[in-house]
N, C-alpha and C. Protein backbone atom coordinates (compact mmCIF):
# COMPACT_ATOMS: atom_id res chain seq x y z
N UNK A 1 -75.17 35.57 -47.33
CA UNK A 1 -74.07 34.60 -47.41
C UNK A 1 -74.17 33.72 -48.66
N UNK A 2 -75.35 33.72 -49.32
CA UNK A 2 -75.54 32.85 -50.47
C UNK A 2 -74.54 33.10 -51.58
N UNK A 3 -74.06 34.33 -51.70
CA UNK A 3 -73.11 34.66 -52.75
C UNK A 3 -71.79 33.90 -52.60
N UNK A 4 -71.51 33.43 -51.40
CA UNK A 4 -70.23 32.74 -51.15
C UNK A 4 -70.23 31.30 -51.63
N UNK A 5 -71.40 30.68 -51.74
CA UNK A 5 -71.45 29.25 -52.00
C UNK A 5 -70.83 28.86 -53.34
N UNK A 6 -71.08 29.62 -54.43
CA UNK A 6 -70.38 29.27 -55.69
C UNK A 6 -68.86 29.36 -55.56
N UNK A 7 -68.38 30.33 -54.77
CA UNK A 7 -66.94 30.46 -54.57
C UNK A 7 -66.40 29.29 -53.77
N UNK A 8 -67.09 28.94 -52.67
CA UNK A 8 -66.62 27.84 -51.82
C UNK A 8 -66.63 26.50 -52.55
N UNK A 9 -67.54 26.35 -53.52
CA UNK A 9 -67.64 25.08 -54.24
C UNK A 9 -66.86 25.09 -55.55
N UNK A 10 -66.10 26.15 -55.79
CA UNK A 10 -65.27 26.21 -56.98
C UNK A 10 -64.12 25.20 -56.86
N UNK A 11 -63.92 24.42 -57.91
CA UNK A 11 -62.91 23.36 -57.86
C UNK A 11 -61.51 23.92 -57.57
N UNK A 12 -61.18 25.07 -58.14
CA UNK A 12 -59.86 25.66 -57.91
C UNK A 12 -59.69 26.08 -56.46
N UNK A 13 -60.76 26.62 -55.86
CA UNK A 13 -60.71 27.01 -54.45
C UNK A 13 -60.54 25.77 -53.57
N UNK A 14 -61.29 24.72 -53.89
CA UNK A 14 -61.18 23.48 -53.11
C UNK A 14 -59.78 22.88 -53.21
N UNK A 15 -59.20 22.92 -54.42
CA UNK A 15 -57.84 22.39 -54.59
C UNK A 15 -56.82 23.22 -53.81
N UNK A 16 -56.99 24.55 -53.84
CA UNK A 16 -56.08 25.42 -53.09
C UNK A 16 -56.19 25.15 -51.60
N UNK A 17 -57.42 25.06 -51.10
CA UNK A 17 -57.62 24.76 -49.69
C UNK A 17 -57.03 23.39 -49.33
N UNK A 18 -57.18 22.44 -50.23
CA UNK A 18 -56.63 21.11 -49.99
C UNK A 18 -55.12 21.18 -49.82
N UNK A 19 -54.44 21.89 -50.72
CA UNK A 19 -52.98 22.02 -50.64
C UNK A 19 -52.55 22.74 -49.37
N UNK A 20 -53.27 23.81 -49.02
CA UNK A 20 -52.95 24.57 -47.81
C UNK A 20 -53.11 23.69 -46.58
N UNK A 21 -54.19 22.92 -46.53
CA UNK A 21 -54.43 22.06 -45.36
C UNK A 21 -53.47 20.88 -45.30
N UNK A 22 -53.06 20.36 -46.43
CA UNK A 22 -52.04 19.30 -46.42
C UNK A 22 -50.74 19.85 -45.86
N UNK A 23 -50.35 21.04 -46.35
CA UNK A 23 -49.10 21.66 -45.87
C UNK A 23 -49.20 21.96 -44.38
N UNK A 24 -50.34 22.51 -43.93
CA UNK A 24 -50.53 22.83 -42.52
C UNK A 24 -50.53 21.59 -41.65
N UNK A 25 -51.10 20.51 -42.16
CA UNK A 25 -51.13 19.24 -41.40
C UNK A 25 -49.72 18.69 -41.23
N UNK A 26 -48.95 18.69 -42.31
CA UNK A 26 -47.57 18.19 -42.24
C UNK A 26 -46.75 19.03 -41.26
N UNK A 27 -46.87 20.37 -41.36
CA UNK A 27 -46.14 21.24 -40.44
C UNK A 27 -46.60 21.00 -39.00
N UNK A 28 -47.90 20.80 -38.82
CA UNK A 28 -48.44 20.58 -37.48
C UNK A 28 -47.87 19.33 -36.83
N UNK A 29 -47.80 18.24 -37.59
CA UNK A 29 -47.22 17.03 -37.02
C UNK A 29 -45.73 17.22 -36.76
N UNK A 30 -45.05 17.98 -37.61
CA UNK A 30 -43.64 18.29 -37.37
C UNK A 30 -43.49 19.10 -36.08
N UNK A 31 -44.38 20.09 -35.87
CA UNK A 31 -44.35 20.95 -34.68
C UNK A 31 -44.50 20.12 -33.41
N UNK A 32 -45.30 19.06 -33.48
CA UNK A 32 -45.53 18.19 -32.32
C UNK A 32 -44.45 17.12 -32.17
N UNK A 33 -43.48 17.09 -33.09
CA UNK A 33 -42.53 15.99 -33.15
C UNK A 33 -41.87 15.66 -31.83
N UNK A 34 -41.35 16.68 -31.14
CA UNK A 34 -40.64 16.44 -29.87
C UNK A 34 -41.57 15.86 -28.81
N UNK A 35 -42.84 16.34 -28.81
CA UNK A 35 -43.77 15.83 -27.81
C UNK A 35 -44.21 14.41 -28.14
N UNK A 36 -44.36 14.12 -29.43
CA UNK A 36 -44.76 12.77 -29.82
C UNK A 36 -43.70 11.74 -29.45
N UNK A 37 -42.43 12.15 -29.48
CA UNK A 37 -41.35 11.24 -29.09
C UNK A 37 -41.44 10.84 -27.62
N UNK A 38 -42.02 11.75 -26.80
CA UNK A 38 -42.13 11.48 -25.37
C UNK A 38 -43.49 10.92 -24.97
N UNK A 39 -44.37 10.74 -25.94
CA UNK A 39 -45.74 10.33 -25.66
C UNK A 39 -45.87 8.80 -25.69
N UNK A 40 -46.47 8.20 -24.67
CA UNK A 40 -46.73 6.75 -24.71
C UNK A 40 -47.58 6.40 -25.93
N UNK A 41 -47.30 5.29 -26.61
CA UNK A 41 -48.01 4.94 -27.84
C UNK A 41 -49.52 4.96 -27.72
N UNK A 42 -50.06 4.58 -26.57
CA UNK A 42 -51.51 4.52 -26.41
C UNK A 42 -52.17 5.89 -26.55
N UNK A 43 -51.41 6.97 -26.34
CA UNK A 43 -51.96 8.32 -26.40
C UNK A 43 -51.65 9.05 -27.71
N UNK A 44 -50.90 8.43 -28.61
CA UNK A 44 -50.39 9.14 -29.78
C UNK A 44 -51.48 9.78 -30.64
N UNK A 45 -52.61 9.10 -30.80
CA UNK A 45 -53.67 9.63 -31.66
C UNK A 45 -54.32 10.89 -31.09
N UNK A 46 -54.13 11.14 -29.77
CA UNK A 46 -54.85 12.22 -29.12
C UNK A 46 -53.98 13.42 -28.77
N UNK A 47 -52.71 13.38 -29.12
CA UNK A 47 -51.82 14.48 -28.75
C UNK A 47 -51.77 15.59 -29.81
N UNK A 48 -51.55 15.28 -31.10
CA UNK A 48 -51.43 16.35 -32.11
C UNK A 48 -52.81 16.85 -32.55
N UNK A 49 -53.44 17.64 -31.70
CA UNK A 49 -54.85 18.01 -31.89
C UNK A 49 -55.11 18.79 -33.18
N UNK A 50 -54.38 19.88 -33.39
CA UNK A 50 -54.64 20.74 -34.54
C UNK A 50 -54.35 20.06 -35.87
N UNK A 51 -53.19 19.40 -36.03
CA UNK A 51 -52.97 18.74 -37.32
C UNK A 51 -53.94 17.60 -37.59
N UNK A 52 -54.42 16.94 -36.54
CA UNK A 52 -55.42 15.90 -36.75
C UNK A 52 -56.73 16.52 -37.22
N UNK A 53 -57.08 17.69 -36.67
CA UNK A 53 -58.28 18.40 -37.12
C UNK A 53 -58.17 18.78 -38.59
N UNK A 54 -57.03 19.32 -38.98
CA UNK A 54 -56.87 19.70 -40.39
C UNK A 54 -56.78 18.47 -41.29
N UNK A 55 -56.28 17.35 -40.75
CA UNK A 55 -56.27 16.10 -41.52
C UNK A 55 -57.70 15.63 -41.80
N UNK A 56 -58.58 15.72 -40.80
CA UNK A 56 -59.99 15.42 -41.04
C UNK A 56 -60.52 16.25 -42.21
N UNK A 57 -60.18 17.54 -42.22
CA UNK A 57 -60.69 18.44 -43.25
C UNK A 57 -60.07 18.14 -44.61
N UNK A 58 -58.83 17.65 -44.63
CA UNK A 58 -58.22 17.22 -45.89
C UNK A 58 -59.10 16.16 -46.56
N UNK A 59 -59.57 15.20 -45.76
CA UNK A 59 -60.42 14.14 -46.32
C UNK A 59 -61.79 14.68 -46.73
N UNK A 60 -62.30 15.66 -45.99
CA UNK A 60 -63.57 16.30 -46.37
C UNK A 60 -63.42 16.97 -47.74
N UNK A 61 -62.33 17.70 -47.91
CA UNK A 61 -62.09 18.39 -49.19
C UNK A 61 -61.89 17.39 -50.33
N UNK A 62 -61.17 16.30 -50.06
CA UNK A 62 -61.01 15.26 -51.07
C UNK A 62 -62.37 14.70 -51.49
N UNK A 63 -63.23 14.47 -50.50
CA UNK A 63 -64.57 13.96 -50.80
C UNK A 63 -65.34 14.95 -51.67
N UNK A 64 -65.26 16.23 -51.33
CA UNK A 64 -65.95 17.24 -52.12
C UNK A 64 -65.46 17.23 -53.57
N UNK A 65 -64.14 17.12 -53.75
CA UNK A 65 -63.58 17.10 -55.11
C UNK A 65 -64.03 15.85 -55.87
N UNK A 66 -64.33 14.78 -55.14
CA UNK A 66 -64.86 13.57 -55.75
C UNK A 66 -66.39 13.59 -55.84
N UNK A 67 -66.98 14.74 -55.47
CA UNK A 67 -68.43 14.95 -55.47
C UNK A 67 -69.13 13.97 -54.54
N UNK A 68 -68.51 13.80 -53.37
CA UNK A 68 -69.06 12.91 -52.35
C UNK A 68 -69.12 13.64 -51.00
N UNK A 69 -69.81 13.04 -50.06
CA UNK A 69 -69.80 13.48 -48.66
C UNK A 69 -69.40 12.32 -47.78
N UNK A 70 -68.46 12.58 -46.87
CA UNK A 70 -68.07 11.60 -45.86
C UNK A 70 -68.46 12.19 -44.51
N UNK A 71 -69.72 11.92 -44.10
CA UNK A 71 -70.33 12.67 -42.97
C UNK A 71 -69.58 12.60 -41.64
N UNK A 72 -69.06 11.43 -41.28
CA UNK A 72 -68.37 11.35 -39.99
C UNK A 72 -67.14 12.24 -39.98
N UNK A 73 -66.40 12.26 -41.08
CA UNK A 73 -65.23 13.13 -41.17
C UNK A 73 -65.63 14.59 -41.20
N UNK A 74 -66.78 14.90 -41.80
CA UNK A 74 -67.28 16.28 -41.78
C UNK A 74 -67.57 16.73 -40.35
N UNK A 75 -68.22 15.86 -39.59
CA UNK A 75 -68.54 16.18 -38.20
C UNK A 75 -67.26 16.35 -37.37
N UNK A 76 -66.34 15.40 -37.51
CA UNK A 76 -65.07 15.49 -36.79
C UNK A 76 -64.30 16.75 -37.17
N UNK A 77 -64.28 17.05 -38.46
CA UNK A 77 -63.55 18.23 -38.93
C UNK A 77 -64.16 19.51 -38.38
N UNK A 78 -65.48 19.63 -38.47
CA UNK A 78 -66.12 20.88 -38.05
C UNK A 78 -65.88 21.16 -36.57
N UNK A 79 -66.10 20.15 -35.74
CA UNK A 79 -65.96 20.34 -34.30
C UNK A 79 -64.50 20.61 -33.92
N UNK A 80 -63.59 19.79 -34.44
CA UNK A 80 -62.20 19.93 -34.01
C UNK A 80 -61.51 21.14 -34.63
N UNK A 81 -61.87 21.51 -35.86
CA UNK A 81 -61.29 22.72 -36.45
C UNK A 81 -61.66 23.94 -35.62
N UNK A 82 -62.93 24.03 -35.25
CA UNK A 82 -63.36 25.19 -34.47
C UNK A 82 -62.74 25.15 -33.07
N UNK A 83 -62.82 24.01 -32.42
CA UNK A 83 -62.32 23.90 -31.04
C UNK A 83 -60.83 24.22 -30.96
N UNK A 84 -60.03 23.52 -31.73
CA UNK A 84 -58.58 23.70 -31.60
C UNK A 84 -58.10 24.97 -32.28
N UNK A 85 -58.86 25.45 -33.27
CA UNK A 85 -58.53 26.74 -33.85
C UNK A 85 -58.67 27.84 -32.82
N UNK A 86 -59.81 27.89 -32.14
CA UNK A 86 -60.05 28.92 -31.13
C UNK A 86 -59.13 28.71 -29.92
N UNK A 87 -58.92 27.45 -29.54
CA UNK A 87 -58.07 27.14 -28.38
C UNK A 87 -56.66 27.69 -28.59
N UNK A 88 -56.09 27.44 -29.75
CA UNK A 88 -54.72 27.88 -30.02
C UNK A 88 -54.62 29.41 -30.08
N UNK A 89 -55.65 30.06 -30.62
CA UNK A 89 -55.66 31.52 -30.64
C UNK A 89 -55.63 32.06 -29.21
N UNK A 90 -56.49 31.51 -28.36
CA UNK A 90 -56.56 31.97 -26.97
C UNK A 90 -55.25 31.69 -26.23
N UNK A 91 -54.67 30.51 -26.43
CA UNK A 91 -53.42 30.18 -25.73
C UNK A 91 -52.29 31.12 -26.15
N UNK A 92 -52.19 31.40 -27.43
CA UNK A 92 -51.12 32.30 -27.89
C UNK A 92 -51.35 33.74 -27.43
N UNK A 93 -52.60 34.15 -27.33
CA UNK A 93 -52.89 35.48 -26.79
C UNK A 93 -52.54 35.54 -25.31
N UNK A 94 -52.77 34.45 -24.59
CA UNK A 94 -52.37 34.39 -23.18
C UNK A 94 -50.86 34.46 -23.03
N UNK A 95 -50.13 33.78 -23.91
CA UNK A 95 -48.67 33.86 -23.89
C UNK A 95 -48.24 35.31 -24.12
N UNK A 96 -48.86 35.98 -25.08
CA UNK A 96 -48.56 37.39 -25.35
C UNK A 96 -48.83 38.24 -24.12
N UNK A 97 -49.94 37.97 -23.43
CA UNK A 97 -50.32 38.76 -22.26
C UNK A 97 -49.32 38.57 -21.11
N UNK A 98 -48.97 37.32 -20.83
CA UNK A 98 -48.11 37.05 -19.67
C UNK A 98 -46.63 37.26 -19.97
N UNK A 99 -46.26 37.06 -21.22
CA UNK A 99 -44.86 37.19 -21.59
C UNK A 99 -44.53 38.60 -22.08
N UNK A 100 -45.54 39.31 -22.56
CA UNK A 100 -45.33 40.67 -23.05
C UNK A 100 -44.90 40.75 -24.49
N UNK A 101 -44.64 39.59 -25.11
CA UNK A 101 -44.26 39.57 -26.52
C UNK A 101 -44.55 38.20 -27.10
N UNK A 102 -44.54 38.16 -28.43
CA UNK A 102 -44.81 36.91 -29.14
C UNK A 102 -43.94 36.92 -30.39
N UNK A 103 -43.26 35.80 -30.66
CA UNK A 103 -42.43 35.77 -31.86
C UNK A 103 -43.30 35.56 -33.10
N UNK A 104 -42.67 35.58 -34.26
CA UNK A 104 -43.43 35.50 -35.51
C UNK A 104 -44.17 34.17 -35.63
N UNK A 105 -43.61 33.11 -35.03
CA UNK A 105 -44.29 31.81 -35.07
C UNK A 105 -45.60 31.89 -34.30
N UNK A 106 -45.58 32.59 -33.16
CA UNK A 106 -46.81 32.76 -32.38
C UNK A 106 -47.89 33.48 -33.16
N UNK A 107 -47.51 34.55 -33.86
CA UNK A 107 -48.49 35.28 -34.67
C UNK A 107 -48.97 34.44 -35.85
N UNK A 108 -48.06 33.65 -36.42
CA UNK A 108 -48.45 32.75 -37.51
C UNK A 108 -49.45 31.71 -37.01
N UNK A 109 -49.22 31.21 -35.78
CA UNK A 109 -50.13 30.23 -35.21
C UNK A 109 -51.51 30.84 -34.95
N UNK A 110 -51.55 32.09 -34.50
CA UNK A 110 -52.83 32.76 -34.30
C UNK A 110 -53.59 32.87 -35.60
N UNK A 111 -52.92 33.35 -36.65
CA UNK A 111 -53.58 33.53 -37.94
C UNK A 111 -54.03 32.19 -38.52
N UNK A 112 -53.13 31.19 -38.52
CA UNK A 112 -53.46 29.91 -39.16
C UNK A 112 -54.57 29.17 -38.41
N UNK A 113 -54.56 29.26 -37.07
CA UNK A 113 -55.59 28.56 -36.30
C UNK A 113 -56.94 29.28 -36.38
N UNK A 114 -56.92 30.60 -36.48
CA UNK A 114 -58.18 31.31 -36.71
C UNK A 114 -58.76 30.92 -38.06
N UNK A 115 -57.89 30.79 -39.07
CA UNK A 115 -58.34 30.35 -40.39
C UNK A 115 -58.92 28.93 -40.33
N UNK A 116 -58.32 28.07 -39.51
CA UNK A 116 -58.87 26.72 -39.31
C UNK A 116 -60.31 26.78 -38.84
N UNK A 117 -60.53 27.57 -37.80
CA UNK A 117 -61.88 27.67 -37.23
C UNK A 117 -62.88 28.19 -38.25
N UNK A 118 -62.46 29.21 -39.01
CA UNK A 118 -63.35 29.85 -39.98
C UNK A 118 -63.71 28.89 -41.12
N UNK A 119 -62.73 28.17 -41.64
CA UNK A 119 -63.01 27.30 -42.79
C UNK A 119 -63.97 26.17 -42.42
N UNK A 120 -63.83 25.66 -41.20
CA UNK A 120 -64.75 24.62 -40.78
C UNK A 120 -66.19 25.10 -40.73
N UNK A 121 -66.38 26.36 -40.32
CA UNK A 121 -67.72 26.95 -40.24
C UNK A 121 -68.26 27.28 -41.63
N UNK A 122 -67.40 27.82 -42.50
CA UNK A 122 -67.85 28.26 -43.83
C UNK A 122 -68.46 27.12 -44.64
N UNK A 123 -67.93 25.92 -44.47
CA UNK A 123 -68.42 24.79 -45.28
C UNK A 123 -69.59 24.06 -44.62
N UNK A 124 -70.06 24.55 -43.47
CA UNK A 124 -71.15 23.88 -42.76
C UNK A 124 -72.39 23.62 -43.62
N UNK A 125 -72.80 24.55 -44.51
CA UNK A 125 -74.01 24.27 -45.30
C UNK A 125 -73.89 23.07 -46.23
N UNK A 126 -72.67 22.61 -46.49
CA UNK A 126 -72.46 21.51 -47.42
C UNK A 126 -72.30 20.16 -46.72
N UNK A 127 -72.22 20.17 -45.39
CA UNK A 127 -72.03 18.92 -44.66
C UNK A 127 -73.32 18.11 -44.62
N UNK A 128 -73.19 16.81 -44.46
CA UNK A 128 -74.34 15.92 -44.45
C UNK A 128 -74.36 15.00 -43.23
N UNK A 129 -73.68 15.40 -42.15
CA UNK A 129 -73.65 14.50 -41.00
C UNK A 129 -74.97 14.51 -40.24
N UNK A 130 -75.20 13.40 -39.54
CA UNK A 130 -76.43 13.20 -38.78
C UNK A 130 -76.10 13.12 -37.30
N UNK A 131 -77.16 12.88 -36.50
CA UNK A 131 -76.98 12.90 -35.04
C UNK A 131 -75.94 11.89 -34.58
N UNK A 132 -75.94 10.68 -35.15
CA UNK A 132 -75.01 9.66 -34.66
C UNK A 132 -73.57 10.03 -34.99
N UNK A 133 -73.36 10.72 -36.13
CA UNK A 133 -72.01 11.18 -36.45
C UNK A 133 -71.52 12.19 -35.41
N UNK A 134 -72.44 13.07 -35.00
CA UNK A 134 -72.08 14.10 -34.02
C UNK A 134 -71.87 13.48 -32.64
N UNK A 135 -72.62 12.43 -32.32
CA UNK A 135 -72.42 11.74 -31.03
C UNK A 135 -71.03 11.09 -30.99
N UNK A 136 -70.64 10.43 -32.08
CA UNK A 136 -69.29 9.83 -32.15
C UNK A 136 -68.23 10.92 -32.02
N UNK A 137 -68.47 12.05 -32.70
CA UNK A 137 -67.54 13.18 -32.63
C UNK A 137 -67.44 13.72 -31.21
N UNK A 138 -68.58 13.83 -30.53
CA UNK A 138 -68.59 14.32 -29.15
C UNK A 138 -67.79 13.40 -28.24
N UNK A 139 -67.95 12.09 -28.42
CA UNK A 139 -67.19 11.12 -27.61
C UNK A 139 -65.70 11.29 -27.87
N UNK A 140 -65.31 11.39 -29.14
CA UNK A 140 -63.90 11.59 -29.49
C UNK A 140 -63.35 12.86 -28.84
N UNK A 141 -64.12 13.95 -28.96
CA UNK A 141 -63.65 15.26 -28.51
C UNK A 141 -63.53 15.32 -26.99
N UNK A 142 -64.52 14.83 -26.28
CA UNK A 142 -64.48 14.87 -24.82
C UNK A 142 -63.47 13.86 -24.27
N UNK A 143 -63.34 12.72 -24.95
CA UNK A 143 -62.30 11.76 -24.56
C UNK A 143 -60.92 12.39 -24.71
N UNK A 144 -60.75 13.18 -25.76
CA UNK A 144 -59.48 13.87 -25.97
C UNK A 144 -59.18 14.82 -24.82
N UNK A 145 -60.21 15.51 -24.31
CA UNK A 145 -60.02 16.39 -23.16
C UNK A 145 -59.53 15.60 -21.94
N UNK A 146 -60.10 14.42 -21.75
CA UNK A 146 -59.67 13.58 -20.62
C UNK A 146 -58.21 13.18 -20.78
N UNK A 147 -57.84 12.77 -21.99
CA UNK A 147 -56.44 12.41 -22.25
C UNK A 147 -55.52 13.59 -21.95
N UNK A 148 -55.93 14.78 -22.38
CA UNK A 148 -55.10 15.98 -22.20
C UNK A 148 -54.97 16.39 -20.74
N UNK A 149 -56.10 16.44 -20.02
CA UNK A 149 -56.09 17.10 -18.71
C UNK A 149 -56.21 16.16 -17.52
N UNK A 150 -56.45 14.88 -17.77
CA UNK A 150 -56.38 13.89 -16.70
C UNK A 150 -55.04 13.14 -16.78
N UNK A 151 -54.64 12.80 -18.03
CA UNK A 151 -53.37 12.10 -18.22
C UNK A 151 -52.24 13.06 -18.62
N UNK A 152 -52.56 14.34 -18.69
CA UNK A 152 -51.57 15.41 -18.93
C UNK A 152 -50.80 15.24 -20.23
N UNK A 153 -51.55 15.04 -21.32
CA UNK A 153 -50.96 14.91 -22.64
C UNK A 153 -51.20 16.15 -23.49
N UNK A 154 -51.61 17.26 -22.86
CA UNK A 154 -51.92 18.47 -23.62
C UNK A 154 -50.65 19.11 -24.18
N UNK A 155 -50.81 19.96 -25.24
CA UNK A 155 -49.65 20.70 -25.74
C UNK A 155 -49.04 21.55 -24.64
N UNK A 156 -47.73 21.70 -24.66
CA UNK A 156 -47.03 22.37 -23.57
C UNK A 156 -46.77 23.84 -23.88
N UNK A 157 -47.30 24.71 -23.03
CA UNK A 157 -46.94 26.13 -23.02
C UNK A 157 -46.40 26.39 -21.62
N UNK A 158 -45.09 26.33 -21.46
CA UNK A 158 -44.50 26.29 -20.13
C UNK A 158 -44.91 27.47 -19.25
N UNK A 159 -45.01 28.65 -19.85
CA UNK A 159 -45.36 29.83 -19.04
C UNK A 159 -46.82 29.79 -18.57
N UNK A 160 -47.61 28.87 -19.12
CA UNK A 160 -49.02 28.75 -18.73
C UNK A 160 -49.28 27.53 -17.85
N UNK A 161 -48.23 26.78 -17.50
CA UNK A 161 -48.43 25.52 -16.77
C UNK A 161 -49.18 25.70 -15.45
N UNK A 162 -48.95 26.83 -14.78
CA UNK A 162 -49.61 27.02 -13.48
C UNK A 162 -51.11 27.27 -13.62
N UNK A 163 -51.56 27.50 -14.86
CA UNK A 163 -52.98 27.74 -15.11
C UNK A 163 -53.69 26.52 -15.70
N UNK A 164 -53.06 25.34 -15.62
CA UNK A 164 -53.63 24.16 -16.26
C UNK A 164 -55.06 23.83 -15.79
N UNK A 165 -55.40 23.93 -14.51
CA UNK A 165 -56.80 23.66 -14.13
C UNK A 165 -57.78 24.60 -14.84
N UNK A 166 -57.43 25.90 -14.91
CA UNK A 166 -58.31 26.86 -15.57
C UNK A 166 -58.38 26.60 -17.08
N UNK A 167 -57.23 26.25 -17.67
CA UNK A 167 -57.21 25.97 -19.10
C UNK A 167 -58.03 24.71 -19.40
N UNK A 168 -57.91 23.70 -18.54
CA UNK A 168 -58.71 22.49 -18.71
C UNK A 168 -60.20 22.78 -18.62
N UNK A 169 -60.58 23.61 -17.68
CA UNK A 169 -62.00 23.99 -17.54
C UNK A 169 -62.49 24.72 -18.78
N UNK A 170 -61.68 25.68 -19.26
CA UNK A 170 -62.02 26.41 -20.47
C UNK A 170 -62.15 25.47 -21.67
N UNK A 171 -61.24 24.51 -21.77
CA UNK A 171 -61.23 23.58 -22.90
C UNK A 171 -62.45 22.69 -22.89
N UNK A 172 -62.85 22.23 -21.68
CA UNK A 172 -64.04 21.39 -21.56
C UNK A 172 -65.27 22.11 -22.11
N UNK A 173 -65.46 23.36 -21.74
CA UNK A 173 -66.63 24.10 -22.21
C UNK A 173 -66.49 24.51 -23.67
N UNK A 174 -65.27 24.73 -24.12
CA UNK A 174 -65.06 25.01 -25.55
C UNK A 174 -65.45 23.79 -26.38
N UNK A 175 -65.20 22.60 -25.86
CA UNK A 175 -65.63 21.39 -26.56
C UNK A 175 -67.14 21.38 -26.75
N UNK A 176 -67.86 21.68 -25.67
CA UNK A 176 -69.33 21.67 -25.76
C UNK A 176 -69.85 22.78 -26.67
N UNK A 177 -69.22 23.93 -26.63
CA UNK A 177 -69.61 25.02 -27.54
C UNK A 177 -69.40 24.60 -28.99
N UNK A 178 -68.27 23.95 -29.26
CA UNK A 178 -67.96 23.50 -30.61
C UNK A 178 -68.97 22.46 -31.10
N UNK A 179 -69.33 21.54 -30.21
CA UNK A 179 -70.34 20.53 -30.55
C UNK A 179 -71.69 21.20 -30.81
N UNK A 180 -72.04 22.18 -29.97
CA UNK A 180 -73.31 22.91 -30.15
C UNK A 180 -73.35 23.66 -31.46
N UNK A 181 -72.26 24.31 -31.83
CA UNK A 181 -72.20 25.03 -33.11
C UNK A 181 -72.34 24.06 -34.28
N UNK A 182 -71.69 22.90 -34.17
CA UNK A 182 -71.80 21.90 -35.23
C UNK A 182 -73.24 21.40 -35.35
N UNK A 183 -73.91 21.22 -34.21
CA UNK A 183 -75.31 20.79 -34.25
C UNK A 183 -76.18 21.85 -34.92
N UNK A 184 -75.98 23.09 -34.54
CA UNK A 184 -76.82 24.18 -35.05
C UNK A 184 -76.57 24.46 -36.53
N UNK A 185 -75.30 24.54 -36.92
CA UNK A 185 -74.97 24.93 -38.29
C UNK A 185 -74.87 23.75 -39.25
N UNK A 186 -74.46 22.60 -38.73
CA UNK A 186 -74.22 21.47 -39.61
C UNK A 186 -75.40 20.55 -39.80
N UNK A 187 -76.44 20.69 -38.97
CA UNK A 187 -77.57 19.76 -39.07
C UNK A 187 -78.89 20.45 -39.35
N UNK A 188 -78.87 21.75 -39.60
CA UNK A 188 -80.14 22.42 -39.87
C UNK A 188 -80.66 22.04 -41.25
N UNK A 189 -81.97 22.11 -41.46
CA UNK A 189 -82.57 21.62 -42.71
C UNK A 189 -82.10 22.36 -43.97
N UNK A 190 -81.79 23.64 -43.85
CA UNK A 190 -81.50 24.44 -45.05
C UNK A 190 -80.06 24.26 -45.53
N UNK A 191 -79.68 22.99 -45.77
CA UNK A 191 -78.34 22.73 -46.25
C UNK A 191 -78.34 22.64 -47.77
N UNK A 192 -77.19 22.93 -48.36
CA UNK A 192 -77.07 22.99 -49.80
C UNK A 192 -76.41 21.72 -50.33
N UNK A 193 -76.83 21.33 -51.51
CA UNK A 193 -76.11 20.25 -52.19
C UNK A 193 -74.88 20.87 -52.82
N UNK A 194 -73.73 20.29 -52.54
CA UNK A 194 -72.48 20.83 -53.06
C UNK A 194 -72.38 20.50 -54.54
N UNK A 195 -72.33 21.54 -55.35
CA UNK A 195 -72.14 21.38 -56.79
C UNK A 195 -70.78 21.98 -57.14
N UNK A 196 -69.85 21.13 -57.51
CA UNK A 196 -68.50 21.58 -57.79
C UNK A 196 -68.49 22.38 -59.08
N UNK A 197 -68.01 23.62 -58.98
CA UNK A 197 -67.92 24.49 -60.14
C UNK A 197 -66.49 24.51 -60.65
N UNK A 198 -66.31 24.40 -61.94
CA UNK A 198 -64.96 24.42 -62.53
C UNK A 198 -64.43 25.85 -62.58
């Protein structure tokens, strides 16, 4: 995997990823627009899960371009990109299974959310977060699950509504898996200093 690090730290690649994630974040908040209109203000920060995850990563990429590390945002980005990336892939595959078809937006969501999960993992060697950053991230992530499945603020897939208890259970364990992956990959000693290549 060492051959990838010069590519990942290339300034042009970082700028391209930054633009892609900004565009994806804007579209994501637009996609949630109707639900945000119906959401009580106290829950607004916890409803648009995927675009908030990519927004965290936007700031991580900005920090990299400034030759800095913002560890708490790195931790939040890694956990939430993986969690909500995989979650959305699974939900759209379930829609395909139960509905028998998926429109082009569904396939686009599968591809884009899988890319979210992958990019968060690929940059793990460059992150500098510590245990307390991951603890804060864990609190945010698990609190988000409570907001979604206790107060019912989760994204709506109407054909899957009857499976909400099972989806909530899956999401809870996906949160812990995401936190565990971040601990294993983001905090191991063999991390690299990010050197931005022109």
